Amino acid sequence: GKDIVQFANAVKISSPVIDGKVCSGSHAKGDGDSKSTTYGTGLTTDTNTAQCSGLNTPGSNKFSTFVEGVKLQDGTYWPTGGYYSGGKAKLKEQNSNANAVAKDLVALNSDEKTIVA
């Protein structure tokens, strides 16, 4: 978890635009997870998610808020995310957060990829 935290901090500093393009979508949200608007580890309500790009409100968060909100430095939700649905916290498939970050990075244009590299 510590490496991804350092990477996210570097992205936040070097390009706020790219920071806003990673973990800000909804393509990786959990089944039945239709209300998540905030990143967090307290998966006791249906408004929190620990899944990168697992938001019902795409564009309202970014990579750095995902890393901070989910406390990735603790390693609990890295590389696998979680969400709340049906009255309980659920884990996504193995490596779901790592895969969602990778998908968002691959979607960057070539100039943005150069900045990230």
C-alpha atoms as a PDB file:
ATOM      1  CA  GLY A   1       0.000   0.000   0.000  1.00  0.00           C
ATOM      2  CA  LYS A   2       2.853   2.416   0.669  1.00  0.00           C
ATOM      3  CA  ASP A   3       4.074   2.438  -2.951  1.00  0.00           C
ATOM      4  CA  ILE A   4       0.643   3.352  -4.326  1.00  0.00           C
ATOM      5  CA  VAL A   5       0.360   6.129  -1.730  1.00  0.00           C
ATOM      6  CA  GLN A   6       3.690   7.610  -2.857  1.00  0.00           C
ATOM      7  CA  PHE A   7       2.651   7.281  -6.504  1.00  0.00           C
ATOM      8  CA  ALA A   8      -0.675   9.031  -5.837  1.00  0.00           C
ATOM      9  CA  ASN A   9       1.097  11.864  -4.014  1.00  0.00           C
ATOM     10  CA  ALA A  10       3.478  12.305  -6.956  1.00  0.00           C
ATOM     11  CA  VAL A  11       0.535  12.436  -9.384  1.00  0.00           C
ATOM     12  CA  LYS A  12      -1.275  14.950  -7.160  1.00  0.00           C
ATOM     13  CA  ILE A  13       1.765  17.235  -7.100  1.00  0.00           C
ATOM     14  CA  SER A  14       2.795  16.881 -10.746  1.00  0.00           C
ATOM     15  CA  SER A  15      -0.646  17.100 -12.366  1.00  0.00           C
ATOM     16  CA  PRO A  16      -3.926  17.899 -10.609  1.00  0.00           C
ATOM     17  CA  VAL A  17      -5.675  17.238 -13.940  1.00  0.00           C
ATOM     18  CA  ILE A  18      -4.422  13.644 -14.043  1.00  0.00           C
ATOM     19  CA  ASP A  19      -5.202  13.278 -10.329  1.00  0.00           C
ATOM     20  CA  GLY A  20      -8.801  14.063 -11.248  1.00  0.00           C
ATOM     21  CA  LYS A  21      -8.903  11.404 -13.974  1.00  0.00           C
ATOM     22  CA  VAL A  22      -7.867   8.421 -11.839  1.00  0.00           C
ATOM     23  CA  CYS A  23     -10.336   6.795  -9.418  1.00  0.00           C
ATOM     24  CA  SER A  24     -12.978   9.375 -10.270  1.00  0.00           C
ATOM     25  CA  GLY A  25     -15.302   7.219 -12.352  1.00  0.00           C
ATOM     26  CA  SER A  26     -17.964   4.606 -11.812  1.00  0.00           C
ATOM     27  CA  HIS A  27     -16.751   1.739 -14.012  1.00  0.00           C
ATOM     28  CA  ALA A  28     -15.615  -0.397 -11.062  1.00  0.00           C
ATOM     29  CA  LYS A  29     -18.465   0.045  -8.583  1.00  0.00           C
ATOM     30  CA  GLY A  30     -19.846  -3.026  -6.881  1.00  0.00           C
ATOM     31  CA  ASP A  31     -23.013  -4.894  -7.806  1.00  0.00           C
ATOM     32  CA  GLY A  32     -25.958  -3.181  -6.166  1.00  0.00           C
ATOM     33  CA  ASP A  33     -23.786  -0.224  -5.140  1.00  0.00           C
ATOM     34  CA  SER A  34     -25.753   2.713  -6.501  1.00  0.00           C
ATOM     35  CA  LYS A  35     -25.356   5.353  -3.794  1.00  0.00           C
ATOM     36  CA  SER A  36     -21.606   5.641  -3.125  1.00  0.00           C
ATOM     37  CA  THR A  37     -20.483   9.257  -3.260  1.00  0.00           C
ATOM     38  CA  THR A  38     -17.499   9.256  -0.895  1.00  0.00           C
ATOM     39  CA  TYR A  39     -14.332   7.229  -0.433  1.00  0.00           C
ATOM     40  CA  GLY A  40     -13.819   5.796   3.039  1.00  0.00           C
ATOM     41  CA  THR A  41     -13.051   2.702   5.075  1.00  0.00           C
ATOM     42  CA  GLY A  42     -16.184   2.774   7.195  1.00  0.00           C
ATOM     43  CA  LEU A  43     -18.304   0.559   4.994  1.00  0.00           C
ATOM     44  CA  THR A  44     -21.342   0.813   7.250  1.00  0.00           C
ATOM     45  CA  THR A  45     -23.491   2.952   4.970  1.00  0.00           C
ATOM     46  CA  ASP A  46     -24.265   2.796   1.280  1.00  0.00           C
ATOM     47  CA  THR A  47     -22.699   6.220   0.637  1.00  0.00           C
ATOM     48  CA  ASN A  48     -19.105   5.062   1.317  1.00  0.00           C
ATOM     49  CA  THR A  49     -16.954   2.903  -0.920  1.00  0.00           C
ATOM     50  CA  ALA A  50     -13.391   1.606  -0.756  1.00  0.00           C
ATOM     51  CA  GLN A  51     -13.346   0.864  -4.485  1.00  0.00           C
ATOM     52  CA  CYS A  52     -11.382   3.014  -6.967  1.00  0.00           C
ATOM     53  CA  SER A  53     -13.783   4.305  -9.646  1.00  0.00           C
ATOM     54  CA  GLY A  54     -16.665   2.927  -7.615  1.00  0.00           C
ATOM     55  CA  LEU A  55     -18.618   6.162  -7.295  1.00  0.00           C
ATOM     56  CA  ASN A  56     -22.194   6.933  -8.228  1.00  0.00           C
ATOM     57  CA  THR A  57     -21.095  10.537  -8.881  1.00  0.00           C
ATOM     58  CA  PRO A  58     -18.271  10.274 -11.427  1.00  0.00           C
ATOM     59  CA  GLY A  59     -15.831  13.169 -11.400  1.00  0.00           C
ATOM     60  CA  SER A  60     -16.546  14.278  -7.843  1.00  0.00           C
ATOM     61  CA  ASN A  61     -13.401  12.698  -6.394  1.00  0.00           C
ATOM     62  CA  LYS A  62      -9.870  11.971  -7.536  1.00  0.00           C
ATOM     63  CA  PHE A  63      -6.917   9.627  -7.042  1.00  0.00           C
ATOM     64  CA  SER A  64      -5.525  11.515  -4.051  1.00  0.00           C
ATOM     65  CA  THR A  65      -8.892  11.619  -2.241  1.00  0.00           C
ATOM     66  CA  PHE A  66      -9.310   7.893  -2.893  1.00  0.00           C
ATOM     67  CA  VAL A  67      -5.885   7.139  -1.374  1.00  0.00           C
ATOM     68  CA  GLU A  68      -6.522   9.408   1.628  1.00  0.00           C
ATOM     69  CA  GLY A  69     -10.146   8.385   2.214  1.00  0.00           C
ATOM     70  CA  VAL A  70      -9.524   4.664   1.950  1.00  0.00           C
ATOM     71  CA  LYS A  71      -6.281   4.951   3.949  1.00  0.00           C
ATOM     72  CA  LEU A  72      -4.315   2.843   1.485  1.00  0.00           C
ATOM     73  CA  GLN A  73      -1.191   3.287   3.592  1.00  0.00           C
ATOM     74  CA  ASP A  74      -2.787   0.778   5.993  1.00  0.00           C
ATOM     75  CA  GLY A  75      -3.087  -1.785   3.195  1.00  0.00           C
ATOM     76  CA  THR A  76      -6.632  -2.844   4.062  1.00  0.00           C
ATOM     77  CA  TYR A  77      -8.215  -2.064   0.706  1.00  0.00           C
ATOM     78  CA  TRP A  78      -5.179  -2.434  -1.533  1.00  0.00           C
ATOM     79  CA  PRO A  79      -5.070  -4.148  -3.970  1.00  0.00           C
ATOM     80  CA  THR A  80      -8.665  -5.315  -3.392  1.00  0.00           C
ATOM     81  CA  GLY A  81     -11.497  -2.857  -2.755  1.00  0.00           C
ATOM     82  CA  GLY A  82     -14.797  -3.085  -0.961  1.00  0.00           C
ATOM     83  CA  TYR A  83     -18.217  -1.477  -0.808  1.00  0.00           C
ATOM     84  CA  TYR A  84     -21.477  -1.578   1.157  1.00  0.00           C
ATOM     85  CA  SER A  85     -24.617  -3.147  -0.278  1.00  0.00           C
ATOM     86  CA  GLY A  86     -27.552  -5.162   0.954  1.00  0.00           C
ATOM     87  CA  GLY A  87     -26.946  -4.230   4.575  1.00  0.00           C
ATOM     88  CA  LYS A  88     -23.314  -5.364   4.757  1.00  0.00           C
ATOM     89  CA  ALA A  89     -19.757  -4.617   3.661  1.00  0.00           C
ATOM     90  CA  LYS A  90     -18.568  -6.665   0.695  1.00  0.00           C
ATOM     91  CA  LEU A  91     -15.186  -7.197  -0.913  1.00  0.00           C
ATOM     92  CA  LYS A  92     -14.805  -6.857  -4.673  1.00  0.00           C
ATOM     93  CA  GLU A  93     -12.933  -9.436  -6.749  1.00  0.00           C
ATOM     94  CA  GLN A  94      -9.229  -9.870  -6.038  1.00  0.00           C
ATOM     95  CA  ASN A  95      -7.078  -6.927  -7.196  1.00  0.00           C
ATOM     96  CA  SER A  96     -10.144  -4.804  -8.025  1.00  0.00           C
ATOM     97  CA  ASN A  97      -8.525  -1.544  -6.902  1.00  0.00           C
ATOM     98  CA  ALA A  98      -5.254  -2.285  -8.691  1.00  0.00           C
ATOM     99  CA  ASN A  99      -7.176  -3.134 -11.873  1.00  0.00           C
ATOM    100  CA  ALA A 100      -9.320   0.014 -11.651  1.00  0.00           C
ATOM    101  CA  VAL A 101      -6.245   2.244 -11.207  1.00  0.00           C
ATOM    102  CA  ALA A 102      -4.573   0.508 -14.157  1.00  0.00           C
ATOM    103  CA  LYS A 103      -7.654   0.968 -16.352  1.00  0.00           C
ATOM    104  CA  ASP A 104      -7.819   4.675 -15.506  1.00  0.00           C
ATOM    105  CA  LEU A 105      -4.097   5.121 -16.235  1.00  0.00           C
ATOM    106  CA  VAL A 106      -4.352   3.304 -19.576  1.00  0.00           C
ATOM    107  CA  ALA A 107      -7.193   5.665 -20.552  1.00  0.00           C
ATOM    108  CA  LEU A 108      -4.917   8.725 -20.227  1.00  0.00           C
ATOM    109  CA  ASN A 109      -3.712  10.369 -23.434  1.00  0.00           C
ATOM    110  CA  SER A 110      -0.060   9.984 -24.466  1.00  0.00           C
ATOM    111  CA  ASP A 111       1.025  13.346 -23.014  1.00  0.00           C
ATOM    112  CA  GLU A 112      -0.576  12.499 -19.665  1.00  0.00           C
ATOM    113  CA  LYS A 113       1.071   9.060 -19.672  1.00  0.00           C
ATOM    114  CA  THR A 114       4.444  10.750 -20.198  1.00  0.00           C
ATOM    115  CA  ILE A 115       3.820  12.977 -17.171  1.00  0.00           C
ATOM    116  CA  VAL A 116       2.846   9.980 -15.028  1.00  0.00           C
ATOM    117  CA  ALA A 117       5.899   8.018 -16.142  1.00  0.00           C
END
